[in-house]
């Protein structure tokens, strides 16, 4: 492209924001023209993140809609929930494309949003306008989006693992149990006792049991494919590592199923979607095998004794679960190859 699009990142001092910088700085069709932080405006981004010294020297801007309009064509809102919904109406009015990483526009019901997120819901018209950006499943909708709601990290891993087998009607939707584990970066950069080193190190603990805000998001997505309201049992755990999510999912098979045939069907379902990798029989993924990348790796095991299917889905929560998928969605929105700027090999070991 002769004229790269100009991108602004609101929330540049969070983990999602700085991960957007890591990928976009080498994107061939994008220039980062504004990095924005309401709490650190006026400072250099490299002062907040010394690893960006001699890589990016931009100063952090205030949140100023007029300035954002002048300096950008697309805006990533990598903010906490409840913040982006106060900004996005004005960003849309300014004629900007918006990719929201906050969660404010993922749920179509304002009532359900308020119940689970404990914030005043966004405008109903914008909830209806927002396109849910699970790239592999809703690509055609994403291509025409002006307001794109980037999925949550847990919902990305869980939905990519479950949707094909639900679409093929091979499992009982009422039997789904999701055991999910995340590294500490999923909690964001803010200080908190739960991610204090002495609390997290050598520890494994559940949190938000039956109360996690990603429950209705997963249920909303699964219900679209099942054709009726689907509920899940979903338990999240914090583990002492920086990056990564593993969702181990269990469901009752409706009839006996051949494991190799299921693997072949998954590969056919995701054919042409390069960021989903299906493991061979007897080979199950681990989080380190996707670290730093936009891949989602999925493996299976069928227990003939119990008639249950076990699915294991792993992603890097900061990449495929946030910034990487946001860029994948930008690529789709702009008509570019969806892998542009994202073909990074996982960091191993």
C-alpha atoms as a PDB file:
ATOM      1  CA  UNK A   1       0.000   0.000   0.000  1.00  0.00           C
ATOM      2  CA  UNK A   2       1.219   3.506  -0.837  1.00  0.00           C
ATOM      3  CA  UNK A   3      -0.634   5.019   2.123  1.00  0.00           C
ATOM      4  CA  UNK A   4      -0.711   2.834   5.252  1.00  0.00           C
ATOM      5  CA  UNK A   5      -3.701   3.339   7.506  1.00  0.00           C
ATOM      6  CA  UNK A   6      -3.114   5.318  10.679  1.00  0.00           C
ATOM      7  CA  UNK A   7      -3.813   3.553  13.972  1.00  0.00           C
ATOM      8  CA  UNK A   8      -4.363   4.951  17.455  1.00  0.00           C
ATOM      9  CA  UNK A   9      -4.221   2.803  20.576  1.00  0.00           C
ATOM     10  CA  UNK A  10      -6.189   3.938  23.623  1.00  0.00           C
ATOM     11  CA  UNK A  11      -4.859   2.136  26.677  1.00  0.00           C
ATOM     12  CA  UNK A  12      -1.299   1.842  25.389  1.00  0.00           C
ATOM     13  CA  UNK A  13       0.188   1.304  28.850  1.00  0.00           C
ATOM     14  CA  UNK A  14      -1.665  -1.963  29.473  1.00  0.00           C
ATOM     15  CA  UNK A  15      -0.555  -5.419  28.401  1.00  0.00           C
ATOM     16  CA  UNK A  16      -3.051  -5.539  25.531  1.00  0.00           C
ATOM     17  CA  UNK A  17      -1.984  -2.109  24.332  1.00  0.00           C
ATOM     18  CA  UNK A  18       1.746  -2.797  24.357  1.00  0.00           C
ATOM     19  CA  UNK A  19       1.164  -6.123  22.630  1.00  0.00           C
ATOM     20  CA  UNK A  20      -0.665  -4.267  19.866  1.00  0.00           C
ATOM     21  CA  UNK A  21       2.454  -2.126  19.517  1.00  0.00           C
ATOM     22  CA  UNK A  22       4.693  -5.220  19.316  1.00  0.00           C
ATOM     23  CA  UNK A  23       2.797  -6.569  16.325  1.00  0.00           C
ATOM     24  CA  UNK A  24       1.672  -3.374  14.585  1.00  0.00           C
ATOM     25  CA  UNK A  25       5.123  -1.825  14.515  1.00  0.00           C
ATOM     26  CA  UNK A  26       6.077  -4.413  11.875  1.00  0.00           C
ATOM     27  CA  UNK A  27       2.707  -4.483  10.086  1.00  0.00           C
ATOM     28  CA  UNK A  28       3.312  -3.524   6.444  1.00  0.00           C
ATOM     29  CA  UNK A  29       0.034  -1.619   6.032  1.00  0.00           C
ATOM     30  CA  UNK A  30      -0.294   0.176   9.382  1.00  0.00           C
ATOM     31  CA  UNK A  31       1.414   3.175  10.979  1.00  0.00           C
ATOM     32  CA  UNK A  32       0.958   3.723  14.709  1.00  0.00           C
ATOM     33  CA  UNK A  33       0.337   7.469  14.850  1.00  0.00           C
ATOM     34  CA  UNK A  34      -0.971   7.873  18.386  1.00  0.00           C
ATOM     35  CA  UNK A  35      -0.474   6.015  21.658  1.00  0.00           C
ATOM     36  CA  UNK A  36      -2.910   7.216  24.305  1.00  0.00           C
ATOM     37  CA  UNK A  37      -3.084   6.967  28.067  1.00  0.00           C
ATOM     38  CA  UNK A  38      -5.303   9.025  30.352  1.00  0.00           C
ATOM     39  CA  UNK A  39      -3.043   8.325  33.333  1.00  0.00           C
ATOM     40  CA  UNK A  40       0.398   8.854  31.756  1.00  0.00           C
ATOM     41  CA  UNK A  41      -0.148  11.450  29.012  1.00  0.00           C
ATOM     42  CA  UNK A  42       2.928  13.493  28.196  1.00  0.00           C
ATOM     43  CA  UNK A  43       5.374  10.727  29.055  1.00  0.00           C
ATOM     44  CA  UNK A  44       7.273   8.755  26.448  1.00  0.00           C
ATOM     45  CA  UNK A  45       5.856   5.293  25.828  1.00  0.00           C
ATOM     46  CA  UNK A  46       9.421   4.044  26.329  1.00  0.00           C
ATOM     47  CA  UNK A  47       9.383   5.489  29.846  1.00  0.00           C
ATOM     48  CA  UNK A  48       6.489   3.191  30.628  1.00  0.00           C
ATOM     49  CA  UNK A  49       8.014   0.253  28.767  1.00  0.00           C
ATOM     50  CA  UNK A  50      11.828   0.469  28.592  1.00  0.00           C
ATOM     51  CA  UNK A  51      11.941  -2.461  26.172  1.00  0.00           C
ATOM     52  CA  UNK A  52      10.617   0.013  23.565  1.00  0.00           C
ATOM     53  CA  UNK A  53      13.736   2.212  23.780  1.00  0.00           C
ATOM     54  CA  UNK A  54      14.968   2.991  20.254  1.00  0.00           C
ATOM     55  CA  UNK A  55      11.965   1.044  18.937  1.00  0.00           C
ATOM     56  CA  UNK A  56       9.177   3.553  19.562  1.00  0.00           C
ATOM     57  CA  UNK A  57       9.753   7.082  20.836  1.00  0.00           C
ATOM     58  CA  UNK A  58       6.190   8.467  20.685  1.00  0.00           C
ATOM     59  CA  UNK A  59       4.863  10.462  23.621  1.00  0.00           C
ATOM     60  CA  UNK A  60       1.578   9.363  25.131  1.00  0.00           C
ATOM     61  CA  UNK A  61      -1.394  11.525  24.110  1.00  0.00           C
ATOM     62  CA  UNK A  62      -4.390  12.554  26.188  1.00  0.00           C
ATOM     63  CA  UNK A  63      -7.786  11.121  25.305  1.00  0.00           C
ATOM     64  CA  UNK A  64      -8.918  13.854  22.905  1.00  0.00           C
ATOM     65  CA  UNK A  65     -11.467  12.829  20.286  1.00  0.00           C
ATOM     66  CA  UNK A  66     -10.595  15.711  17.966  1.00  0.00           C
ATOM     67  CA  UNK A  67      -6.890  14.897  18.087  1.00  0.00           C
ATOM     68  CA  UNK A  68      -7.578  11.181  17.581  1.00  0.00           C
ATOM     69  CA  UNK A  69      -9.731  12.020  14.553  1.00  0.00           C
ATOM     70  CA  UNK A  70      -6.925  14.105  13.038  1.00  0.00           C
ATOM     71  CA  UNK A  71      -4.231  11.514  13.638  1.00  0.00           C
ATOM     72  CA  UNK A  72      -5.910   8.173  12.877  1.00  0.00           C
ATOM     73  CA  UNK A  73      -8.225   6.112  10.702  1.00  0.00           C
ATOM     74  CA  UNK A  74      -8.782   3.200  13.092  1.00  0.00           C
ATOM     75  CA  UNK A  75      -8.747   3.125  16.881  1.00  0.00           C
ATOM     76  CA  UNK A  76      -8.023   0.190  19.174  1.00  0.00           C
ATOM     77  CA  UNK A  77      -9.609   0.639  22.608  1.00  0.00           C
ATOM     78  CA  UNK A  78      -7.560  -1.544  24.958  1.00  0.00           C
ATOM     79  CA  UNK A  79      -9.208  -0.239  28.107  1.00  0.00           C
ATOM     80  CA  UNK A  80     -10.914  -1.768  31.139  1.00  0.00           C
ATOM     81  CA  UNK A  81     -14.606  -2.529  30.743  1.00  0.00           C
ATOM     82  CA  UNK A  82     -16.817   0.466  31.380  1.00  0.00           C
ATOM     83  CA  UNK A  83     -14.279   2.884  29.915  1.00  0.00           C
ATOM     84  CA  UNK A  84     -14.468   2.268  26.175  1.00  0.00           C
ATOM     85  CA  UNK A  85     -18.263   2.539  26.039  1.00  0.00           C
ATOM     86  CA  UNK A  86     -17.927   6.152  27.216  1.00  0.00           C
ATOM     87  CA  UNK A  87     -15.541   6.917  24.322  1.00  0.00           C
ATOM     88  CA  UNK A  88     -16.753   4.835  21.406  1.00  0.00           C
ATOM     89  CA  UNK A  89     -19.941   6.766  20.519  1.00  0.00           C
ATOM     90  CA  UNK A  90     -17.813   9.882  19.882  1.00  0.00           C
ATOM     91  CA  UNK A  91     -15.173   7.892  17.992  1.00  0.00           C
ATOM     92  CA  UNK A  92     -17.842   6.458  15.685  1.00  0.00           C
ATOM     93  CA  UNK A  93     -19.400   9.906  15.250  1.00  0.00           C
ATOM     94  CA  UNK A  94     -15.943  11.119  14.161  1.00  0.00           C
ATOM     95  CA  UNK A  95     -16.003   8.580  11.326  1.00  0.00           C
ATOM     96  CA  UNK A  96     -13.388   6.240  12.791  1.00  0.00           C
ATOM     97  CA  UNK A  97     -13.347   2.461  12.679  1.00  0.00           C
ATOM     98  CA  UNK A  98     -13.142   1.039  16.202  1.00  0.00           C
ATOM     99  CA  UNK A  99     -11.832  -2.294  17.462  1.00  0.00           C
ATOM    100  CA  UNK A 100     -12.764  -2.660  21.122  1.00  0.00           C
ATOM    101  CA  UNK A 101     -10.800  -5.046  23.338  1.00  0.00           C
ATOM    102  CA  UNK A 102     -12.584  -4.150  26.565  1.00  0.00           C
ATOM    103  CA  UNK A 103     -15.624  -6.425  26.558  1.00  0.00           C
ATOM    104  CA  UNK A 104     -18.181  -3.614  26.606  1.00  0.00           C
ATOM    105  CA  UNK A 105     -19.770  -4.620  23.288  1.00  0.00           C
ATOM    106  CA  UNK A 106     -19.515  -8.415  23.367  1.00  0.00           C
ATOM    107  CA  UNK A 107     -22.931  -9.089  24.857  1.00  0.00           C
ATOM    108  CA  UNK A 108     -26.007  -8.180  22.852  1.00  0.00           C
ATOM    109  CA  UNK A 109     -28.185  -7.673  25.921  1.00  0.00           C
ATOM    110  CA  UNK A 110     -27.570  -4.554  27.991  1.00  0.00           C
ATOM    111  CA  UNK A 111     -29.371  -6.187  30.926  1.00  0.00           C
ATOM    112  CA  UNK A 112     -27.073  -9.217  30.839  1.00  0.00           C
ATOM    113  CA  UNK A 113     -24.021  -6.948  30.480  1.00  0.00           C
ATOM    114  CA  UNK A 114     -24.992  -4.948  33.555  1.00  0.00           C
ATOM    115  CA  UNK A 115     -25.601  -8.117  35.576  1.00  0.00           C
ATOM    116  CA  UNK A 116     -22.188  -9.629  34.829  1.00  0.00           C
ATOM    117  CA  UNK A 117     -19.957  -6.576  34.358  1.00  0.00           C
ATOM    118  CA  UNK A 118     -21.582  -4.347  37.001  1.00  0.00           C
ATOM    119  CA  UNK A 119     -21.414  -1.269  34.772  1.00  0.00           C
ATOM    120  CA  UNK A 120     -24.074   0.766  33.043  1.00  0.00           C
ATOM    121  CA  UNK A 121     -24.534  -0.865  29.617  1.00  0.00           C
ATOM    122  CA  UNK A 122     -23.569   0.794  26.338  1.00  0.00           C
ATOM    123  CA  UNK A 123     -26.236   2.246  24.061  1.00  0.00           C
ATOM    124  CA  UNK A 124     -28.528  -0.467  22.684  1.00  0.00           C
ATOM    125  CA  UNK A 125     -28.001   0.803  19.131  1.00  0.00           C
ATOM    126  CA  UNK A 126     -24.252   0.317  19.456  1.00  0.00           C
ATOM    127  CA  UNK A 127     -24.656  -3.138  21.003  1.00  0.00           C
ATOM    128  CA  UNK A 128     -26.678  -4.080  17.923  1.00  0.00           C
ATOM    129  CA  UNK A 129     -24.142  -2.477  15.579  1.00  0.00           C
ATOM    130  CA  UNK A 130     -21.097  -4.163  17.112  1.00  0.00           C
ATOM    131  CA  UNK A 131     -19.801  -7.225  15.257  1.00  0.00           C
ATOM    132  CA  UNK A 132     -18.443  -9.990  17.448  1.00  0.00           C
ATOM    133  CA  UNK A 133     -14.945 -10.624  16.154  1.00  0.00           C
ATOM    134  CA  UNK A 134     -14.216 -14.314  16.584  1.00  0.00           C
ATOM    135  CA  UNK A 135     -12.199 -14.298  13.400  1.00  0.00           C
ATOM    136  CA  UNK A 136     -12.474 -17.935  12.344  1.00  0.00           C
ATOM    137  CA  UNK A 137     -16.240 -18.117  12.788  1.00  0.00           C
ATOM    138  CA  UNK A 138     -17.609 -14.712  11.733  1.00  0.00           C
ATOM    139  CA  UNK A 139     -15.210 -13.512   9.043  1.00  0.00           C
ATOM    140  CA  UNK A 140     -17.920 -12.385   6.610  1.00  0.00           C
ATOM    141  CA  UNK A 141     -19.599 -10.172   9.223  1.00  0.00           C
ATOM    142  CA  UNK A 142     -16.233  -8.783  10.295  1.00  0.00           C
ATOM    143  CA  UNK A 143     -15.346  -7.614   6.769  1.00  0.00           C
ATOM    144  CA  UNK A 144     -18.026  -4.905   6.854  1.00  0.00           C
ATOM    145  CA  UNK A 145     -17.705  -3.893  10.515  1.00  0.00           C
ATOM    146  CA  UNK A 146     -17.274  -0.310  11.684  1.00  0.00           C
ATOM    147  CA  UNK A 147     -17.449  -1.270  15.369  1.00  0.00           C
ATOM    148  CA  UNK A 148     -15.702  -4.556  16.126  1.00  0.00           C
ATOM    149  CA  UNK A 149     -15.953  -6.215  19.537  1.00  0.00           C
ATOM    150  CA  UNK A 150     -12.872  -8.339  20.117  1.00  0.00           C
ATOM    151  CA  UNK A 151     -13.671 -11.583  21.994  1.00  0.00           C
ATOM    152  CA  UNK A 152     -12.422 -12.368  25.448  1.00  0.00           C
ATOM    153  CA  UNK A 153      -9.451 -14.653  25.969  1.00  0.00           C
ATOM    154  CA  UNK A 154     -11.309 -17.546  27.602  1.00  0.00           C
ATOM    155  CA  UNK A 155     -14.207 -17.362  25.112  1.00  0.00           C
ATOM    156  CA  UNK A 156     -11.752 -17.506  22.193  1.00  0.00           C
ATOM    157  CA  UNK A 157     -10.086 -20.688  23.426  1.00  0.00           C
ATOM    158  CA  UNK A 158     -13.337 -22.332  24.522  1.00  0.00           C
ATOM    159  CA  UNK A 159     -15.462 -21.416  21.503  1.00  0.00           C
ATOM    160  CA  UNK A 160     -12.884 -22.452  18.906  1.00  0.00           C
ATOM    161  CA  UNK A 161     -12.677 -25.820  20.626  1.00  0.00           C
ATOM    162  CA  UNK A 162     -16.413 -26.393  21.034  1.00  0.00           C
ATOM    163  CA  UNK A 163     -18.151 -24.864  18.022  1.00  0.00           C
ATOM    164  CA  UNK A 164     -17.264 -27.508  15.381  1.00  0.00           C
ATOM    165  CA  UNK A 165     -18.390 -30.449  17.486  1.00  0.00           C
ATOM    166  CA  UNK A 166     -21.575 -28.595  18.433  1.00  0.00           C
ATOM    167  CA  UNK A 167     -22.235 -27.733  14.782  1.00  0.00           C
ATOM    168  CA  UNK A 168     -21.836 -31.409  13.904  1.00  0.00           C
ATOM    169  CA  UNK A 169     -24.270 -32.289  16.748  1.00  0.00           C
ATOM    170  CA  UNK A 170     -21.872 -34.840  18.199  1.00  0.00           C
ATOM    171  CA  UNK A 171     -22.182 -33.737  21.839  1.00  0.00           C
ATOM    172  CA  UNK A 172     -24.993 -32.939  24.253  1.00  0.00           C
ATOM    173  CA  UNK A 173     -24.918 -29.129  24.698  1.00  0.00           C
ATOM    174  CA  UNK A 174     -26.315 -29.480  28.221  1.00  0.00           C
ATOM    175  CA  UNK A 175     -23.310 -31.505  29.358  1.00  0.00           C
ATOM    176  CA  UNK A 176     -20.496 -29.015  28.674  1.00  0.00           C
ATOM    177  CA  UNK A 177     -17.966 -28.424  31.451  1.00  0.00           C
ATOM    178  CA  UNK A 178     -15.017 -26.063  30.891  1.00  0.00           C
ATOM    179  CA  UNK A 179     -12.003 -26.179  33.211  1.00  0.00           C
ATOM    180  CA  UNK A 180      -9.969 -23.071  32.342  1.00  0.00           C
ATOM    181  CA  UNK A 181      -6.564 -21.867  33.504  1.00  0.00           C
ATOM    182  CA  UNK A 182      -4.796 -18.571  32.771  1.00  0.00           C
ATOM    183  CA  UNK A 183      -1.454 -16.914  33.381  1.00  0.00           C
ATOM    184  CA  UNK A 184      -1.242 -13.749  35.452  1.00  0.00           C
ATOM    185  CA  UNK A 185      -1.135 -11.331  32.499  1.00  0.00           C
ATOM    186  CA  UNK A 186      -4.842 -12.042  32.020  1.00  0.00           C
ATOM    187  CA  UNK A 187      -5.509  -9.886  35.074  1.00  0.00           C
ATOM    188  CA  UNK A 188      -3.934  -6.867  33.386  1.00  0.00           C
ATOM    189  CA  UNK A 189      -1.147  -4.600  34.584  1.00  0.00           C
ATOM    190  CA  UNK A 190      -2.954  -3.080  37.539  1.00  0.00           C
ATOM    191  CA  UNK A 191      -1.690  -3.914  41.015  1.00  0.00           C
ATOM    192  CA  UNK A 192      -3.613  -6.468  43.032  1.00  0.00           C
ATOM    193  CA  UNK A 193      -3.152  -8.971  45.826  1.00  0.00           C
ATOM    194  CA  UNK A 194      -4.169 -11.904  43.605  1.00  0.00           C
ATOM    195  CA  UNK A 195      -1.128 -11.377  41.363  1.00  0.00           C
ATOM    196  CA  UNK A 196       1.310 -10.443  44.130  1.00  0.00           C
ATOM    197  CA  UNK A 197       4.349 -12.706  43.724  1.00  0.00           C
ATOM    198  CA  UNK A 198       4.059 -14.222  47.197  1.00  0.00           C
ATOM    199  CA  UNK A 199       0.380 -15.028  46.602  1.00  0.00           C
ATOM    200  CA  UNK A 200       0.753 -16.407  43.079  1.00  0.00           C
ATOM    201  CA  UNK A 201       4.079 -18.224  43.126  1.00  0.00           C
ATOM    202  CA  UNK A 202       3.880 -21.980  43.812  1.00  0.00           C
ATOM    203  CA  UNK A 203       0.108 -21.692  43.924  1.00  0.00           C
ATOM    204  CA  UNK A 204      -2.931 -22.664  41.879  1.00  0.00           C
ATOM    205  CA  UNK A 205      -6.234 -21.088  42.788  1.00  0.00           C
ATOM    206  CA  UNK A 206      -9.737 -20.816  41.365  1.00  0.00           C
ATOM    207  CA  UNK A 207     -11.446 -17.452  41.089  1.00  0.00           C
ATOM    208  CA  UNK A 208     -14.876 -16.076  40.159  1.00  0.00           C
ATOM    209  CA  UNK A 209     -16.336 -19.582  40.414  1.00  0.00           C
ATOM    210  CA  UNK A 210     -19.671 -19.576  38.527  1.00  0.00           C
ATOM    211  CA  UNK A 211     -19.428 -15.772  38.381  1.00  0.00           C
ATOM    212  CA  UNK A 212     -16.908 -15.019  35.625  1.00  0.00           C
ATOM    213  CA  UNK A 213     -18.049 -12.338  33.157  1.00  0.00           C
ATOM    214  CA  UNK A 214     -16.990 -14.543  30.240  1.00  0.00           C
ATOM    215  CA  UNK A 215     -19.708 -17.104  31.015  1.00  0.00           C
ATOM    216  CA  UNK A 216     -22.527 -15.258  29.181  1.00  0.00           C
ATOM    217  CA  UNK A 217     -20.173 -14.472  26.279  1.00  0.00           C
ATOM    218  CA  UNK A 218     -19.353 -18.143  25.764  1.00  0.00           C
ATOM    219  CA  UNK A 219     -23.007 -19.115  26.151  1.00  0.00           C
ATOM    220  CA  UNK A 220     -24.103 -16.439  23.663  1.00  0.00           C
ATOM    221  CA  UNK A 221     -21.656 -17.747  21.032  1.00  0.00           C
ATOM    222  CA  UNK A 222     -22.467 -21.415  21.566  1.00  0.00           C
ATOM    223  CA  UNK A 223     -26.201 -20.672  21.457  1.00  0.00           C
ATOM    224  CA  UNK A 224     -25.830 -19.126  17.975  1.00  0.00           C
ATOM    225  CA  UNK A 225     -24.645 -22.476  16.658  1.00  0.00           C
ATOM    226  CA  UNK A 226     -26.878 -24.763  18.720  1.00  0.00           C
ATOM    227  CA  UNK A 227     -29.999 -22.779  17.850  1.00  0.00           C
ATOM    228  CA  UNK A 228     -31.248 -22.536  21.432  1.00  0.00           C
ATOM    229  CA  UNK A 229     -30.085 -21.184  24.761  1.00  0.00           C
ATOM    230  CA  UNK A 230     -27.052 -23.152  25.918  1.00  0.00           C
ATOM    231  CA  UNK A 231     -25.597 -23.038  29.420  1.00  0.00           C
ATOM    232  CA  UNK A 232     -22.197 -24.211  30.618  1.00  0.00           C
ATOM    233  CA  UNK A 233     -20.295 -24.992  33.782  1.00  0.00           C
ATOM    234  CA  UNK A 234     -17.173 -22.819  33.670  1.00  0.00           C
ATOM    235  CA  UNK A 235     -14.434 -22.613  36.279  1.00  0.00           C
ATOM    236  CA  UNK A 236     -11.361 -20.392  35.975  1.00  0.00           C
ATOM    237  CA  UNK A 237      -8.007 -20.796  37.711  1.00  0.00           C
ATOM    238  CA  UNK A 238      -4.973 -18.549  38.042  1.00  0.00           C
ATOM    239  CA  UNK A 239      -1.647 -20.285  37.555  1.00  0.00           C
ATOM    240  CA  UNK A 240       1.889 -19.019  38.273  1.00  0.00           C
ATOM    241  CA  UNK A 241       3.013 -18.171  34.757  1.00  0.00           C
ATOM    242  CA  UNK A 242       2.900 -15.009  32.677  1.00  0.00           C
ATOM    243  CA  UNK A 243       1.146 -15.971  29.428  1.00  0.00           C
ATOM    244  CA  UNK A 244      -1.203 -18.661  28.296  1.00  0.00           C
ATOM    245  CA  UNK A 245      -4.684 -20.120  28.579  1.00  0.00           C
ATOM    246  CA  UNK A 246      -5.666 -23.774  28.606  1.00  0.00           C
ATOM    247  CA  UNK A 247      -9.317 -24.782  28.386  1.00  0.00           C
ATOM    248  CA  UNK A 248      -9.961 -28.443  29.113  1.00  0.00           C
ATOM    249  CA  UNK A 249     -13.536 -29.143  28.049  1.00  0.00           C
ATOM    250  CA  UNK A 250     -15.717 -32.156  28.710  1.00  0.00           C
ATOM    251  CA  UNK A 251     -18.990 -33.157  27.050  1.00  0.00           C
ATOM    252  CA  UNK A 252     -21.119 -36.269  26.614  1.00  0.00           C
ATOM    253  CA  UNK A 253     -21.120 -37.769  23.125  1.00  0.00           C
ATOM    254  CA  UNK A 254     -24.578 -38.385  21.687  1.00  0.00           C
ATOM    255  CA  UNK A 255     -23.303 -41.559  19.988  1.00  0.00           C
ATOM    256  CA  UNK A 256     -19.969 -43.394  19.655  1.00  0.00           C
ATOM    257  CA  UNK A 257     -17.406 -41.411  17.684  1.00  0.00           C
ATOM    258  CA  UNK A 258     -14.094 -42.286  16.031  1.00  0.00           C
ATOM    259  CA  UNK A 259     -11.294 -40.045  17.286  1.00  0.00           C
ATOM    260  CA  UNK A 260      -9.368 -39.878  14.007  1.00  0.00           C
ATOM    261  CA  UNK A 261     -12.553 -39.111  12.106  1.00  0.00           C
ATOM    262  CA  UNK A 262     -13.252 -36.242  14.522  1.00  0.00           C
ATOM    263  CA  UNK A 263      -9.745 -34.863  13.996  1.00  0.00           C
ATOM    264  CA  UNK A 264     -10.261 -34.977  10.221  1.00  0.00           C
ATOM    265  CA  UNK A 265     -13.620 -33.211  10.572  1.00  0.00           C
ATOM    266  CA  UNK A 266     -12.064 -30.437  12.672  1.00  0.00           C
ATOM    267  CA  UNK A 267      -9.320 -29.946  10.107  1.00  0.00           C
ATOM    268  CA  UNK A 268     -11.958 -29.685   7.387  1.00  0.00           C
ATOM    269  CA  UNK A 269     -13.999 -27.232   9.480  1.00  0.00           C
ATOM    270  CA  UNK A 270     -11.017 -24.921   9.920  1.00  0.00           C
ATOM    271  CA  UNK A 271      -9.563 -25.412   6.460  1.00  0.00           C
ATOM    272  CA  UNK A 272      -8.167 -22.110   5.217  1.00  0.00           C
ATOM    273  CA  UNK A 273      -8.047 -20.672   8.750  1.00  0.00           C
ATOM    274  CA  UNK A 274      -4.292 -20.754   9.373  1.00  0.00           C
ATOM    275  CA  UNK A 275      -4.292 -19.828  13.045  1.00  0.00           C
ATOM    276  CA  UNK A 276      -6.175 -22.926  14.225  1.00  0.00           C
ATOM    277  CA  UNK A 277      -3.988 -26.019  14.406  1.00  0.00           C
ATOM    278  CA  UNK A 278      -5.485 -29.438  15.126  1.00  0.00           C
ATOM    279  CA  UNK A 279      -3.213 -31.952  16.819  1.00  0.00           C
ATOM    280  CA  UNK A 280      -2.664 -35.531  15.709  1.00  0.00           C
ATOM    281  CA  UNK A 281      -4.275 -38.386  17.630  1.00  0.00           C
ATOM    282  CA  UNK A 282      -2.679 -38.884  21.028  1.00  0.00           C
ATOM    283  CA  UNK A 283      -0.942 -35.493  20.924  1.00  0.00           C
ATOM    284  CA  UNK A 284      -2.261 -32.724  23.157  1.00  0.00           C
ATOM    285  CA  UNK A 285      -1.205 -29.060  23.182  1.00  0.00           C
ATOM    286  CA  UNK A 286       0.505 -27.079  25.909  1.00  0.00           C
ATOM    287  CA  UNK A 287       0.547 -23.327  26.448  1.00  0.00           C
ATOM    288  CA  UNK A 288       4.249 -22.884  25.730  1.00  0.00           C
ATOM    289  CA  UNK A 289       3.694 -24.246  22.208  1.00  0.00           C
ATOM    290  CA  UNK A 290       1.620 -21.168  21.283  1.00  0.00           C
ATOM    291  CA  UNK A 291       3.350 -18.532  23.466  1.00  0.00           C
ATOM    292  CA  UNK A 292       3.855 -15.178  21.767  1.00  0.00           C
ATOM    293  CA  UNK A 293       1.831 -16.266  18.725  1.00  0.00           C
ATOM    294  CA  UNK A 294      -1.689 -15.950  17.302  1.00  0.00           C
ATOM    295  CA  UNK A 295      -2.242 -19.709  17.132  1.00  0.00           C
ATOM    296  CA  UNK A 296      -4.955 -21.745  18.809  1.00  0.00           C
ATOM    297  CA  UNK A 297      -3.976 -25.411  19.152  1.00  0.00           C
ATOM    298  CA  UNK A 298      -6.662 -28.039  19.819  1.00  0.00           C
ATOM    299  CA  UNK A 299      -6.378 -31.708  20.797  1.00  0.00           C
ATOM    300  CA  UNK A 300      -8.878 -34.466  21.611  1.00  0.00           C
ATOM    301  CA  UNK A 301      -9.391 -37.649  23.553  1.00  0.00           C
ATOM    302  CA  UNK A 302     -12.492 -39.852  23.509  1.00  0.00           C
ATOM    303  CA  UNK A 303     -13.182 -41.957  26.584  1.00  0.00           C
ATOM    304  CA  UNK A 304     -15.151 -44.952  25.309  1.00  0.00           C
ATOM    305  CA  UNK A 305     -15.677 -46.121  28.882  1.00  0.00           C
ATOM    306  CA  UNK A 306     -17.648 -43.011  29.903  1.00  0.00           C
ATOM    307  CA  UNK A 307     -18.853 -41.882  26.483  1.00  0.00           C
ATOM    308  CA  UNK A 308     -17.283 -38.465  26.987  1.00  0.00           C
ATOM    309  CA  UNK A 309     -15.180 -36.283  24.735  1.00  0.00           C
ATOM    310  CA  UNK A 310     -12.288 -34.307  26.196  1.00  0.00           C
ATOM    311  CA  UNK A 311     -11.087 -31.282  24.193  1.00  0.00           C
ATOM    312  CA  UNK A 312      -7.991 -29.267  25.062  1.00  0.00           C
ATOM    313  CA  UNK A 313      -7.608 -25.787  23.558  1.00  0.00           C
ATOM    314  CA  UNK A 314      -4.640 -23.478  24.194  1.00  0.00           C
ATOM    315  CA  UNK A 315      -3.873 -19.880  23.223  1.00  0.00           C
ATOM    316  CA  UNK A 316      -1.625 -17.033  24.291  1.00  0.00           C
ATOM    317  CA  UNK A 317      -4.135 -14.879  26.166  1.00  0.00           C
ATOM    318  CA  UNK A 318      -2.413 -11.602  25.237  1.00  0.00           C
ATOM    319  CA  UNK A 319      -2.137 -12.463  21.518  1.00  0.00           C
ATOM    320  CA  UNK A 320      -4.926 -14.697  20.183  1.00  0.00           C
ATOM    321  CA  UNK A 321      -6.902 -13.764  23.281  1.00  0.00           C
ATOM    322  CA  UNK A 322      -6.475 -10.013  22.739  1.00  0.00           C
ATOM    323  CA  UNK A 323      -4.056  -8.042  20.518  1.00  0.00           C
ATOM    324  CA  UNK A 324      -3.330 -10.680  17.884  1.00  0.00           C
ATOM    325  CA  UNK A 325      -6.979 -11.409  17.208  1.00  0.00           C
ATOM    326  CA  UNK A 326      -7.680  -7.664  17.137  1.00  0.00           C
ATOM    327  CA  UNK A 327      -5.104  -7.304  14.337  1.00  0.00           C
ATOM    328  CA  UNK A 328      -6.483 -10.386  12.583  1.00  0.00           C
ATOM    329  CA  UNK A 329      -9.867  -8.655  12.669  1.00  0.00           C
ATOM    330  CA  UNK A 330      -8.360  -5.418  11.353  1.00  0.00           C
ATOM    331  CA  UNK A 331      -6.908  -7.388   8.443  1.00  0.00           C
ATOM    332  CA  UNK A 332     -10.343  -8.813   7.650  1.00  0.00           C
ATOM    333  CA  UNK A 333     -12.015  -5.391   7.979  1.00  0.00           C
ATOM    334  CA  UNK A 334      -9.515  -3.858   5.555  1.00  0.00           C
ATOM    335  CA  UNK A 335      -9.638  -6.705   3.004  1.00  0.00           C
ATOM    336  CA  UNK A 336      -6.060  -7.836   3.648  1.00  0.00           C
ATOM    337  CA  UNK A 337      -4.857 -11.379   4.135  1.00  0.00           C
ATOM    338  CA  UNK A 338      -5.786 -12.178   7.736  1.00  0.00           C
ATOM    339  CA  UNK A 339      -2.260 -13.371   8.559  1.00  0.00           C
ATOM    340  CA  UNK A 340      -0.644 -10.016   7.654  1.00  0.00           C
ATOM    341  CA  UNK A 341       1.722  -8.917  10.407  1.00  0.00           C
ATOM    342  CA  UNK A 342       0.901 -11.982  12.518  1.00  0.00           C
ATOM    343  CA  UNK A 343       3.009 -14.792  11.092  1.00  0.00           C
ATOM    344  CA  UNK A 344       5.185 -15.105  14.158  1.00  0.00           C
ATOM    345  CA  UNK A 345       6.524 -18.475  15.302  1.00  0.00           C
ATOM    346  CA  UNK A 346       5.704 -19.262  18.943  1.00  0.00           C
ATOM    347  CA  UNK A 347       8.479 -18.463  21.423  1.00  0.00           C
ATOM    348  CA  UNK A 348       9.973 -21.769  22.565  1.00  0.00           C
ATOM    349  CA  UNK A 349      11.223 -22.799  25.060  1.00  0.00           C
END
